[in-house]
Every structure is written in C-alpha cells, then in structure tokens.
C-alpha atoms as a PDB file:
ATOM      1  CA  MET A   1      -0.127  -0.025  -0.056  1.00  0.00           C
ATOM      2  CA  SER A   2       2.982   2.362   0.907  1.00  0.00           C
ATOM      3  CA  GLY A   3       3.825   2.192  -3.210  1.00  0.00           C
ATOM      4  CA  LEU A   4       0.112   3.188  -3.769  1.00  0.00           C
ATOM      5  CA  LYS A   5       0.319   6.422  -1.591  1.00  0.00           C
ATOM      6  CA  ALA A   6       3.490   7.409  -3.174  1.00  0.00           C
ATOM      7  CA  ILE A   7       2.536   7.261  -6.772  1.00  0.00           C
ATOM      8  CA  ARG A   8      -1.135   9.002  -5.501  1.00  0.00           C
ATOM      9  CA  ARG A   9       1.434  11.933  -3.831  1.00  0.00           C
ATOM     10  CA  ARG A  10       3.214  12.073  -7.352  1.00  0.00           C
ATOM     11  CA  LEU A  11       0.463  11.866  -9.302  1.00  0.00           C
ATOM     12  CA  SER A  12      -1.534  14.844  -7.205  1.00  0.00           C
ATOM     13  CA  SER A  13       2.047  16.797  -7.391  1.00  0.00           C
ATOM     14  CA  VAL A  14       2.273  16.457 -11.089  1.00  0.00           C
ATOM     15  CA  LYS A  15      -1.662  17.680 -11.188  1.00  0.00           C
ATOM     16  CA  ASN A  16      -0.723  20.621  -9.486  1.00  0.00           C
ATOM     17  CA  THR A  17       2.610  21.365 -11.240  1.00  0.00           C
ATOM     18  CA  LYS A  18       0.397  21.175 -14.509  1.00  0.00           C
ATOM     19  CA  GLN A  19      -2.112  23.602 -13.337  1.00  0.00           C
ATOM     20  CA  ILE A  20       0.522  25.902 -12.488  1.00  0.00           C
ATOM     21  CA  THR A  21       2.174  25.767 -15.712  1.00  0.00           C
ATOM     22  CA  ARG A  22      -0.751  25.834 -17.658  1.00  0.00           C
ATOM     23  CA  ALA A  23      -1.779  29.368 -15.699  1.00  0.00           C
ATOM     24  CA  MET A  24       1.758  30.617 -16.706  1.00  0.00           C
ATOM     25  CA  LYS A  25       1.188  29.568 -20.541  1.00  0.00           C
ATOM     26  CA  LEU A  26      -1.731  31.634 -20.422  1.00  0.00           C
ATOM     27  CA  VAL A  27      -0.870  34.407 -18.956  1.00  0.00           C
ATOM     28  CA  SER A  28       2.327  34.535 -21.017  1.00  0.00           C
ATOM     29  CA  ALA A  29      -0.063  34.578 -24.010  1.00  0.00           C
ATOM     30  CA  ALA A  30      -1.935  37.175 -23.004  1.00  0.00           C
ATOM     31  CA  LYS A  31       0.888  39.598 -22.249  1.00  0.00           C
ATOM     32  CA  LEU A  32       2.486  38.566 -25.702  1.00  0.00           C
ATOM     33  CA  LYS A  33      -0.171  40.052 -27.697  1.00  0.00           C
ATOM     34  CA  ARG A  34       0.566  43.293 -25.804  1.00  0.00           C
ATOM     35  CA  ALA A  35       4.276  42.799 -26.103  1.00  0.00           C
ATOM     36  CA  GLN A  36       4.219  42.030 -29.943  1.00  0.00           C
ATOM     37  CA  ASP A  37       1.986  44.972 -30.768  1.00  0.00           C
ATOM     38  CA  ALA A  38       4.427  47.215 -28.954  1.00  0.00           C
ATOM     39  CA  ALA A  39       7.250  45.724 -30.725  1.00  0.00           C
ATOM     40  CA  LEU A  40       5.760  45.862 -34.067  1.00  0.00           C
ATOM     41  CA  GLY A  41       4.326  49.895 -33.739  1.00  0.00           C
ATOM     42  CA  GLY A  42       7.996  50.507 -32.711  1.00  0.00           C
ATOM     43  CA  ARG A  43       9.561  49.202 -35.582  1.00  0.00           C
ATOM     44  CA  LYS A  44       7.090  51.764 -37.920  1.00  0.00           C
ATOM     45  CA  PHE A  45       8.192  54.649 -35.888  1.00  0.00           C
ATOM     46  CA  SER A  46      11.825  53.729 -35.963  1.00  0.00           C
ATOM     47  CA  GLU A  47      11.564  53.395 -39.863  1.00  0.00           C
ATOM     48  CA  ARG A  48       9.874  56.725 -40.127  1.00  0.00           C
ATOM     49  CA  LEU A  49      12.464  58.433 -38.000  1.00  0.00           C
ATOM     50  CA  GLY A  50      15.181  56.426 -39.789  1.00  0.00           C
ATOM     51  CA  GLU A  51      13.796  58.345 -43.018  1.00  0.00           C
ATOM     52  CA  VAL A  52      13.611  61.350 -41.380  1.00  0.00           C
ATOM     53  CA  LEU A  53      17.540  61.235 -40.335  1.00  0.00           C
ATOM     54  CA  LYS A  54      18.482  59.898 -43.422  1.00  0.00           C
ATOM     55  CA  THR A  55      16.911  62.826 -45.114  1.00  0.00           C
ATOM     56  CA  SER A  56      18.807  64.876 -42.811  1.00  0.00           C
ATOM     57  CA  ILE A  57      22.197  62.661 -43.390  1.00  0.00           C
ATOM     58  CA  LYS A  58      22.002  63.334 -47.065  1.00  0.00           C
ATOM     59  CA  ALA A  59      22.367  67.414 -46.877  1.00  0.00           C
ATOM     60  CA  LEU A  60      24.886  67.534 -44.664  1.00  0.00           C
ATOM     61  CA  PRO A  61      27.763  69.539 -45.922  1.00  0.00           C
ATOM     62  CA  GLN A  62      31.195  67.650 -46.715  1.00  0.00           C
ATOM     63  CA  GLY A  63      33.128  67.501 -43.926  1.00  0.00           C
ATOM     64  CA  PHE A  64      30.411  67.649 -41.000  1.00  0.00           C
ATOM     65  CA  SER A  65      31.682  66.115 -37.912  1.00  0.00           C
ATOM     66  CA  HIS A  66      29.757  65.301 -34.691  1.00  0.00           C
ATOM     67  CA  PRO A  67      30.950  63.371 -31.211  1.00  0.00           C
ATOM     68  CA  LEU A  68      28.513  60.513 -31.801  1.00  0.00           C
ATOM     69  CA  ILE A  69      29.958  59.737 -35.102  1.00  0.00           C
ATOM     70  CA  GLU A  70      33.573  60.007 -34.786  1.00  0.00           C
ATOM     71  CA  VAL A  71      35.182  56.479 -35.486  1.00  0.00           C
ATOM     72  CA  ARG A  72      38.052  55.659 -33.426  1.00  0.00           C
ATOM     73  CA  GLU A  73      40.375  52.782 -32.253  1.00  0.00           C
ATOM     74  CA  VAL A  74      38.363  50.203 -30.143  1.00  0.00           C
ATOM     75  CA  LYS A  75      40.107  49.890 -27.203  1.00  0.00           C
ATOM     76  CA  LYS A  76      37.205  49.937 -24.648  1.00  0.00           C
ATOM     77  CA  THR A  77      33.600  48.408 -25.479  1.00  0.00           C
ATOM     78  CA  ALA A  78      30.618  48.976 -23.464  1.00  0.00           C
ATOM     79  CA  TYR A  79      27.677  45.870 -24.121  1.00  0.00           C
ATOM     80  CA  VAL A  80      24.263  46.981 -23.468  1.00  0.00           C
ATOM     81  CA  VAL A  81      22.687  43.491 -22.457  1.00  0.00           C
ATOM     82  CA  PHE A  82      18.911  43.309 -22.589  1.00  0.00           C
ATOM     83  CA  SER A  83      17.715  39.804 -20.787  1.00  0.00           C
ATOM     84  CA  GLY A  84      14.380  38.890 -18.993  1.00  0.00           C
ATOM     85  CA  GLU A  85      13.385  39.684 -15.180  1.00  0.00           C
ATOM     86  CA  ARG A  86      12.508  36.187 -14.240  1.00  0.00           C
ATOM     87  CA  GLY A  87      13.447  32.706 -15.574  1.00  0.00           C
ATOM     88  CA  LEU A  88      10.984  29.760 -17.013  1.00  0.00           C
ATOM     89  CA  CYS A  89      11.183  31.198 -20.209  1.00  0.00           C
ATOM     90  CA  GLY A  90      13.044  28.307 -21.991  1.00  0.00           C
ATOM     91  CA  PRO A  91      16.512  28.920 -23.311  1.00  0.00           C
ATOM     92  CA  TYR A  92      16.034  32.862 -23.684  1.00  0.00           C
ATOM     93  CA  ASN A  93      18.292  33.798 -21.191  1.00  0.00           C
ATOM     94  CA  SER A  94      21.009  31.408 -21.524  1.00  0.00           C
ATOM     95  CA  SER A  95      21.085  32.366 -24.936  1.00  0.00           C
ATOM     96  CA  VAL A  96      21.728  36.096 -24.506  1.00  0.00           C
ATOM     97  CA  ALA A  97      24.420  34.870 -22.044  1.00  0.00           C
ATOM     98  CA  LYS A  98      26.168  32.820 -24.777  1.00  0.00           C
ATOM     99  CA  ALA A  99      25.843  35.396 -27.409  1.00  0.00           C
ATOM    100  CA  LEU A 100      27.469  37.897 -25.032  1.00  0.00           C
ATOM    101  CA  ASN A 101      30.262  35.525 -23.733  1.00  0.00           C
ATOM    102  CA  ALA A 102      30.496  34.742 -27.489  1.00  0.00           C
ATOM    103  CA  GLU A 103      31.000  38.674 -28.600  1.00  0.00           C
ATOM    104  CA  VAL A 104      33.480  39.528 -25.691  1.00  0.00           C
ATOM    105  CA  LYS A 105      35.951  36.361 -26.414  1.00  0.00           C
ATOM    106  CA  SER A 106      35.680  37.143 -30.099  1.00  0.00           C
ATOM    107  CA  ARG A 107      37.189  40.904 -29.471  1.00  0.00           C
ATOM    108  CA  ASN A 108      40.180  42.071 -28.221  1.00  0.00           C
ATOM    109  CA  SER A 109      38.958  45.390 -26.565  1.00  0.00           C
ATOM    110  CA  GLU A 110      38.386  45.825 -22.546  1.00  0.00           C
ATOM    111  CA  ALA A 111      34.460  44.912 -21.766  1.00  0.00           C
ATOM    112  CA  VAL A 112      32.482  46.890 -19.700  1.00  0.00           C
ATOM    113  CA  CYS A 113      28.585  46.089 -19.407  1.00  0.00           C
ATOM    114  CA  PHE A 114      24.866  47.463 -18.950  1.00  0.00           C
ATOM    115  CA  ALA A 115      22.612  45.121 -17.522  1.00  0.00           C
ATOM    116  CA  VAL A 116      18.716  45.535 -18.499  1.00  0.00           C
ATOM    117  CA  CYS A 117      16.754  43.161 -15.905  1.00  0.00           C
ATOM    118  CA  LYS A 118      18.073  40.800 -13.508  1.00  0.00           C
ATOM    119  CA  ARG A 119      18.772  38.057 -15.535  1.00  0.00           C
ATOM    120  CA  ALA A 120      21.127  39.858 -17.829  1.00  0.00           C
ATOM    121  CA  GLU A 121      22.719  41.313 -14.234  1.00  0.00           C
ATOM    122  CA  SER A 122      23.422  37.579 -12.991  1.00  0.00           C
ATOM    123  CA  SER A 123      24.948  36.340 -16.619  1.00  0.00           C
ATOM    124  CA  ILE A 124      27.283  39.495 -16.751  1.00  0.00           C
ATOM    125  CA  ASN A 125      28.401  38.638 -12.911  1.00  0.00           C
ATOM    126  CA  ARG A 126      28.612  34.951 -13.790  1.00  0.00           C
ATOM    127  CA  LEU A 127      30.902  35.509 -16.490  1.00  0.00           C
ATOM    128  CA  GLY A 128      33.363  37.775 -14.460  1.00  0.00           C
ATOM    129  CA  LEU A 129      32.549  40.527 -16.657  1.00  0.00           C
ATOM    130  CA  LYS A 130      32.785  44.378 -15.512  1.00  0.00           C
ATOM    131  CA  LEU A 131      29.326  45.496 -14.659  1.00  0.00           C
ATOM    132  CA  LYS A 132      29.082  49.299 -14.882  1.00  0.00           C
ATOM    133  CA  GLN A 133      25.506  50.025 -14.487  1.00  0.00           C
ATOM    134  CA  SER A 134      22.328  47.838 -14.056  1.00  0.00           C
ATOM    135  CA  PHE A 135      18.343  48.330 -14.437  1.00  0.00           C
ATOM    136  CA  VAL A 136      16.338  45.548 -12.623  1.00  0.00           C
ATOM    137  CA  SER A 137      12.887  45.070 -11.303  1.00  0.00           C
ATOM    138  CA  LEU A 138      11.272  46.664 -14.282  1.00  0.00           C
ATOM    139  CA  PRO A 139       7.804  46.735 -14.875  1.00  0.00           C
ATOM    140  CA  ASP A 140       6.285  44.840 -17.369  1.00  0.00           C
ATOM    141  CA  ASP A 141       5.715  47.810 -19.782  1.00  0.00           C
ATOM    142  CA  ALA A 142       8.812  48.106 -21.801  1.00  0.00           C
ATOM    143  CA  GLY A 143       7.917  51.963 -22.578  1.00  0.00           C
ATOM    144  CA  LEU A 144       8.179  52.527 -18.899  1.00  0.00           C
ATOM    145  CA  TRP A 145      11.899  51.606 -18.865  1.00  0.00           C
ATOM    146  CA  PRO A 146      14.552  54.269 -18.125  1.00  0.00           C
ATOM    147  CA  MET A 147      16.050  54.341 -21.627  1.00  0.00           C
ATOM    148  CA  ASP A 148      16.403  57.895 -21.394  1.00  0.00           C
ATOM    149  CA  GLU A 149      18.614  57.433 -18.442  1.00  0.00           C
ATOM    150  CA  LEU A 150      20.292  54.716 -19.924  1.00  0.00           C
ATOM    151  CA  GLY A 151      20.922  56.503 -23.208  1.00  0.00           C
ATOM    152  CA  SER A 152      22.195  59.813 -21.621  1.00  0.00           C
ATOM    153  CA  SER A 153      24.916  57.822 -19.839  1.00  0.00           C
ATOM    154  CA  LEU A 154      25.987  55.745 -23.078  1.00  0.00           C
ATOM    155  CA  VAL A 155      25.897  59.347 -24.840  1.00  0.00           C
ATOM    156  CA  SER A 156      28.399  60.639 -22.086  1.00  0.00           C
ATOM    157  CA  LEU A 157      30.938  57.756 -22.121  1.00  0.00           C
ATOM    158  CA  TYR A 158      31.170  57.541 -25.212  1.00  0.00           C
ATOM    159  CA  SER A 159      31.384  61.746 -25.813  1.00  0.00           C
ATOM    160  CA  SER A 160      34.130  61.700 -23.528  1.00  0.00           C
ATOM    161  CA  LYS A 161      35.953  58.820 -24.684  1.00  0.00           C
ATOM    162  CA  GLU A 162      35.564  56.819 -21.989  1.00  0.00           C
ATOM    163  CA  VAL A 163      34.373  53.678 -24.587  1.00  0.00           C
ATOM    164  CA  ASP A 164      35.077  53.586 -28.184  1.00  0.00           C
ATOM    165  CA  GLU A 165      32.233  51.685 -29.296  1.00  0.00           C
ATOM    166  CA  VAL A 166      28.456  50.457 -27.849  1.00  0.00           C
ATOM    167  CA  ILE A 167      26.930  47.441 -28.845  1.00  0.00           C
ATOM    168  CA  LEU A 168      23.529  46.166 -28.256  1.00  0.00           C
ATOM    169  CA  ILE A 169      22.889  42.595 -27.271  1.00  0.00           C
ATOM    170  CA  TYR A 170      19.301  41.465 -27.661  1.00  0.00           C
ATOM    171  CA  THR A 171      16.711  38.917 -28.755  1.00  0.00           C
ATOM    172  CA  LYS A 172      14.910  40.208 -31.859  1.00  0.00           C
ATOM    173  CA  PHE A 173      11.062  38.782 -31.990  1.00  0.00           C
ATOM    174  CA  LEU A 174      10.512  37.059 -35.148  1.00  0.00           C
ATOM    175  CA  SER A 175       7.145  35.223 -34.420  1.00  0.00           C
ATOM    176  CA  ALA A 176       5.914  33.121 -31.130  1.00  0.00           C
ATOM    177  CA  MET A 177       8.158  29.991 -32.072  1.00  0.00           C
ATOM    178  CA  ASN A 178      11.534  31.999 -33.406  1.00  0.00           C
ATOM    179  CA  GLN A 179      13.366  34.671 -31.859  1.00  0.00           C
ATOM    180  CA  GLU A 180      17.084  35.317 -32.674  1.00  0.00           C
ATOM    181  CA  VAL A 181      19.668  36.922 -30.569  1.00  0.00           C
ATOM    182  CA  VAL A 182      21.189  40.053 -32.406  1.00  0.00           C
ATOM    183  CA  ARG A 183      24.302  42.097 -31.805  1.00  0.00           C
ATOM    184  CA  GLU A 184      23.573  45.785 -32.967  1.00  0.00           C
ATOM    185  CA  LYS A 185      26.348  48.656 -32.964  1.00  0.00           C
ATOM    186  CA  LEU A 186      24.769  51.796 -31.738  1.00  0.00           C
ATOM    187  CA  LEU A 187      27.714  53.595 -31.149  1.00  0.00           C
ATOM    188  CA  PRO A 188      29.629  55.224 -33.340  1.00  0.00           C
ATOM    189  CA  PHE A 189      26.543  56.023 -35.441  1.00  0.00           C
ATOM    190  CA  SER A 190      26.931  55.464 -39.227  1.00  0.00           C
ATOM    191  CA  ILE A 191      25.784  58.317 -40.953  1.00  0.00           C
ATOM    192  CA  ASP A 192      25.688  55.767 -44.636  1.00  0.00           C
ATOM    193  CA  SER A 193      22.004  57.574 -45.373  1.00  0.00           C
ATOM    194  CA  GLY A 194      21.550  54.536 -48.273  1.00  0.00           C
ATOM    195  CA  GLU A 195      17.979  53.865 -49.374  1.00  0.00           C
ATOM    196  CA  GLY A 196      14.911  55.785 -47.409  1.00  0.00           C
ATOM    197  CA  ALA A 197      16.167  59.228 -47.599  1.00  0.00           C
ATOM    198  CA  THR A 198      13.234  62.057 -48.921  1.00  0.00           C
ATOM    199  CA  GLU A 199      14.392  63.827 -51.861  1.00  0.00           C
ATOM    200  CA  ASP A 200      14.109  66.909 -52.782  1.00  0.00           C
ATOM    201  CA  ALA A 201      13.371  68.272 -49.140  1.00  0.00           C
ATOM    202  CA  GLN A 202      13.693  71.327 -47.438  1.00  0.00           C
ATOM    203  CA  ILE A 203      14.939  71.043 -44.314  1.00  0.00           C
ATOM    204  CA  GLU A 204      14.778  73.832 -41.844  1.00  0.00           C
ATOM    205  CA  PRO A 205      16.835  75.699 -40.070  1.00  0.00           C
ATOM    206  CA  SER A 206      19.683  73.298 -41.634  1.00  0.00           C
ATOM    207  CA  ALA A 207      20.476  70.049 -42.003  1.00  0.00           C
ATOM    208  CA  GLU A 208      23.148  70.119 -39.020  1.00  0.00           C
ATOM    209  CA  GLU A 209      20.930  71.430 -36.310  1.00  0.00           C
ATOM    210  CA  VAL A 210      17.995  68.722 -37.583  1.00  0.00           C
ATOM    211  CA  PHE A 211      21.058  66.077 -37.222  1.00  0.00           C
ATOM    212  CA  SER A 212      22.125  67.075 -34.073  1.00  0.00           C
ATOM    213  CA  GLU A 213      18.286  66.949 -32.442  1.00  0.00           C
ATOM    214  CA  ILE A 214      17.324  63.949 -33.981  1.00  0.00           C
ATOM    215  CA  LEU A 215      20.164  61.887 -33.497  1.00  0.00           C
ATOM    216  CA  PRO A 216      19.977  61.459 -29.608  1.00  0.00           C
ATOM    217  CA  LEU A 217      16.339  60.957 -30.257  1.00  0.00           C
ATOM    218  CA  THR A 218      16.988  58.017 -32.737  1.00  0.00           C
ATOM    219  CA  LEU A 219      19.521  56.272 -30.099  1.00  0.00           C
ATOM    220  CA  LYS A 220      17.020  56.419 -27.109  1.00  0.00           C
ATOM    221  CA  THR A 221      14.586  54.897 -29.674  1.00  0.00           C
ATOM    222  CA  LYS A 222      16.651  52.275 -30.630  1.00  0.00           C
ATOM    223  CA  LEU A 223      17.254  51.349 -26.894  1.00  0.00           C
ATOM    224  CA  PHE A 224      13.564  51.542 -26.321  1.00  0.00           C
ATOM    225  CA  GLN A 225      13.165  49.083 -29.483  1.00  0.00           C
ATOM    226  CA  ALA A 226      15.525  46.684 -28.127  1.00  0.00           C
ATOM    227  CA  GLY A 227      13.457  46.395 -24.861  1.00  0.00           C
ATOM    228  CA  TYR A 228      10.186  45.885 -27.080  1.00  0.00           C
ATOM    229  CA  GLU A 229      11.865  42.907 -28.551  1.00  0.00           C
ATOM    230  CA  ALA A 230      13.171  41.703 -25.736  1.00  0.00           C
ATOM    231  CA  LYS A 231       9.964  41.839 -23.590  1.00  0.00           C
ATOM    232  CA  ALA A 232       8.074  40.112 -26.678  1.00  0.00           C
ATOM    233  CA  CYS A 233      10.587  37.632 -26.603  1.00  0.00           C
ATOM    234  CA  GLU A 234      10.286  36.674 -22.981  1.00  0.00           C
ATOM    235  CA  HIS A 235       6.769  36.258 -22.938  1.00  0.00           C
ATOM    236  CA  ALA A 236       7.422  34.134 -26.304  1.00  0.00           C
ATOM    237  CA  SER A 237       9.434  32.076 -24.785  1.00  0.00           C
ATOM    238  CA  ARG A 238       7.816  31.297 -21.540  1.00  0.00           C
ATOM    239  CA  MET A 239       4.664  30.596 -23.356  1.00  0.00           C
ATOM    240  CA  THR A 240       6.565  28.153 -25.680  1.00  0.00           C
ATOM    241  CA  ALA A 241       8.262  26.607 -22.415  1.00  0.00           C
ATOM    242  CA  MET A 242       5.247  26.362 -20.400  1.00  0.00           C
ATOM    243  CA  ASP A 243       3.056  24.887 -23.112  1.00  0.00           C
ATOM    244  CA  ALA A 244       6.036  22.065 -23.451  1.00  0.00           C
ATOM    245  CA  ALA A 245       6.093  21.767 -19.508  1.00  0.00           C
ATOM    246  CA  THR A 246       2.282  21.068 -19.281  1.00  0.00           C
ATOM    247  CA  ARG A 247       2.235  18.615 -21.981  1.00  0.00           C
ATOM    248  CA  ASN A 248       5.246  16.838 -20.410  1.00  0.00           C
ATOM    249  CA  ALA A 249       2.908  17.101 -16.934  1.00  0.00           C
ATOM    250  CA  ASP A 250      -0.131  15.263 -19.340  1.00  0.00           C
ATOM    251  CA  GLU A 251       2.534  12.429 -20.572  1.00  0.00           C
ATOM    252  CA  LEU A 252       3.769  11.909 -17.030  1.00  0.00           C
ATOM    253  CA  MET A 253       0.368  11.510 -15.725  1.00  0.00           C
ATOM    254  CA  ASP A 254      -0.723   9.065 -17.890  1.00  0.00           C
ATOM    255  CA  LYS A 255       2.267   6.969 -16.959  1.00  0.00           C
ATOM    256  CA  LEU A 256       1.324   7.562 -13.091  1.00  0.00           C
ATOM    257  CA  ARG A 257      -2.162   6.585 -13.709  1.00  0.00           C
ATOM    258  CA  LEU A 258      -0.565   3.439 -15.432  1.00  0.00           C
ATOM    259  CA  PHE A 259       1.603   2.566 -12.845  1.00  0.00           C
ATOM    260  CA  TYR A 260      -0.664   2.992 -10.379  1.00  0.00           C
ATOM    261  CA  ASN A 261      -3.416   0.936 -11.995  1.00  0.00           C
ATOM    262  CA  ARG A 262      -1.133  -1.981 -12.264  1.00  0.00           C
ATOM    263  CA  ALA A 263       0.286  -1.539  -8.816  1.00  0.00           C
ATOM    264  CA  ARG A 264      -3.380  -1.721  -7.514  1.00  0.00           C
ATOM    265  CA  GLN A 265      -4.406  -4.717  -9.241  1.00  0.00           C
ATOM    266  CA  ARG A 266      -1.048  -6.454  -8.345  1.00  0.00           C
ATOM    267  CA  VAL A 267      -2.270  -5.555  -4.623  1.00  0.00           C
ATOM    268  CA  ILE A 268      -5.811  -6.833  -4.997  1.00  0.00           C
ATOM    269  CA  THR A 269      -4.557 -10.108  -7.076  1.00  0.00           C
ATOM    270  CA  ALA A 270      -2.272 -10.819  -4.094  1.00  0.00           C
ATOM    271  CA  GLU A 271      -5.278  -9.890  -1.474  1.00  0.00           C
ATOM    272  CA  LEU A 272      -7.399 -12.401  -3.842  1.00  0.00           C
ATOM    273  CA  LEU A 273      -4.520 -15.095  -3.207  1.00  0.00           C
ATOM    274  CA  ASP A 274      -4.294 -14.935   0.614  1.00  0.00           C
ATOM    275  CA  ILE A 275      -7.971 -14.858   0.757  1.00  0.00           C
ATOM    276  CA  LEU A 276      -7.830 -18.328  -1.444  1.00  0.00           C
ATOM    277  CA  GLY A 277      -4.862 -19.301   0.382  1.00  0.00           C
ATOM    278  CA  GLY A 278      -6.816 -19.154   3.638  1.00  0.00           C
ATOM    279  CA  ALA A 279      -9.745 -20.992   2.563  1.00  0.00           C
ATOM    280  CA  GLU A 280      -7.772 -23.774   1.257  1.00  0.00           C
ATOM    281  CA  ALA A 281      -6.141 -24.231   4.512  1.00  0.00           C
ATOM    282  CA  GLN A 282      -9.245 -24.239   6.589  1.00  0.00           C
ATOM    283  CA  ARG A 283     -10.406 -26.757   4.231  1.00  0.00           C
ATOM    284  CA  SER A 284      -7.592 -28.981   4.834  1.00  0.00           C
END
C-alpha cells in the first residue's frame, strides 16, 4: 500500500504543477499579444524616424563632424545586454548570455557592461565581466523602462571617450516560435544615408541642426525598441516553455495512472490469493 500512496502523492504533485504551468502559459500568451503589438509598432516609428534622419544626413555638408559619429580605435567596448527579469522561459536567458560571452571572446577590447533586467545582471556577473550599471525590477511595460537615463549614460561615456564603441545585445522577435539573438552597434553612429531618404526635402533651420537634434532621439528609440523586442521574446519563450511543460505533465500523469492501476491490480491479486489460500487451509 505504501507504493500506492507514493504514486498518488506523485500524481497529485504533477497535477498541481500542470495547473501552474498552464496558468503561466495563459498569462504569457495574454502578455505576448500586448508586447508583440508594442514591438511591431515601435518598428514602424523607428523606420519613420530613420527616414527623417537619413534625409538630414543626405543634406549634410562635406566634412561634417559630430562627437557621436567619430570613429576611433576600439580599446574599450560597452555592451548593453537585454534579458528577462525571471526564468522559466526556456533557453531565452541562456542564449543571450552565450551570445555575450562569444562576442566578448571574439574581440580584443576591454569590456564594460550595462544590464537591463535581472537575468542580464546575473549573466554578466557569472561571466566575470565588469558591470557598469544595471536596471532591474523593471515593469512589464518596456515603454516605462528608464532608457532615457541609459541613453544619456552611453552618450556621455562615448563623448568623453571612456568607451570607443557601444553594442546592443538583445533578442529580436520574429514569431511566437522563433526569436533571434542579435548584435547591433549603437555607437559610433553610421551616417551612411543609403535608401529611404526623402528626395528634394527642405530642411529647416539646417541639416546640421536637424541631425544633431534627431540623433539622440534615434539612439534612445533604438534602446526602447530593443526593450520591446526583448520583452516580446521573453513572453513568447515562456509561453512555449510552459506549453511544453504542460504537455510533459500530461504524459507523466498518464504514465503514473498506468503504474498506479497496475500496482493496485497487483495488490488486489495478492489479497485474493491470500484469501483463497486461507480458505484452502481451512478446508484441509
């Protein structure tokens, strides 16, 4: 009977776990819709802002210079790492940590890191990298994250030549089942106008002033967009992981029920044999 009780306890434990994972899956699915809309909407804003910036770049005079477009020898690199606040989201956080580790090892420059969310902070500390500043215990809405403060810190470090390069490491949302860890250079900012510039645009008061005003906004927009992408990926990864955990719980419960029924059948058979044996003994 002790074996039956153990199986019943295990079955009850798995059932409770399944209820938790299923609830987490439903919560993540609801949050994913909002985060996905924010990420996609942010991309549209970034594209429109990029068009304005490219138009001003195209009108810049020859030899124009700005502290944030100055390219210099990279001796020290600042990494801004976006991850999740919590775990239970499959390989999401570990993928970011692996990408950061690979990026640092592939370069000869000194590394200093900025962490966005608790898991990024933990990963940086675990890898033994220098943590300059961390932003943790952030709200679920990435639009409320202190990216203005982070952007000001990065601009100040680059302008004062304390770092020679700023790189973002975050996960880009592709679909609910597919996310990709990306590396994006934030500074120095490239003034390659490329495609997307508005032809024959009138820029007032001047291209230099418009560029100088829009560039800081563009940098902060990139930080916010990285946050939107990261949050959408976190919810998608957690939803997928909890869905897999729920299905695994169902399979385990089926196996436990089978074990329980077989064990119970053995107990009943043993009891019947004892009864029959006793009856035979009395007849003798």
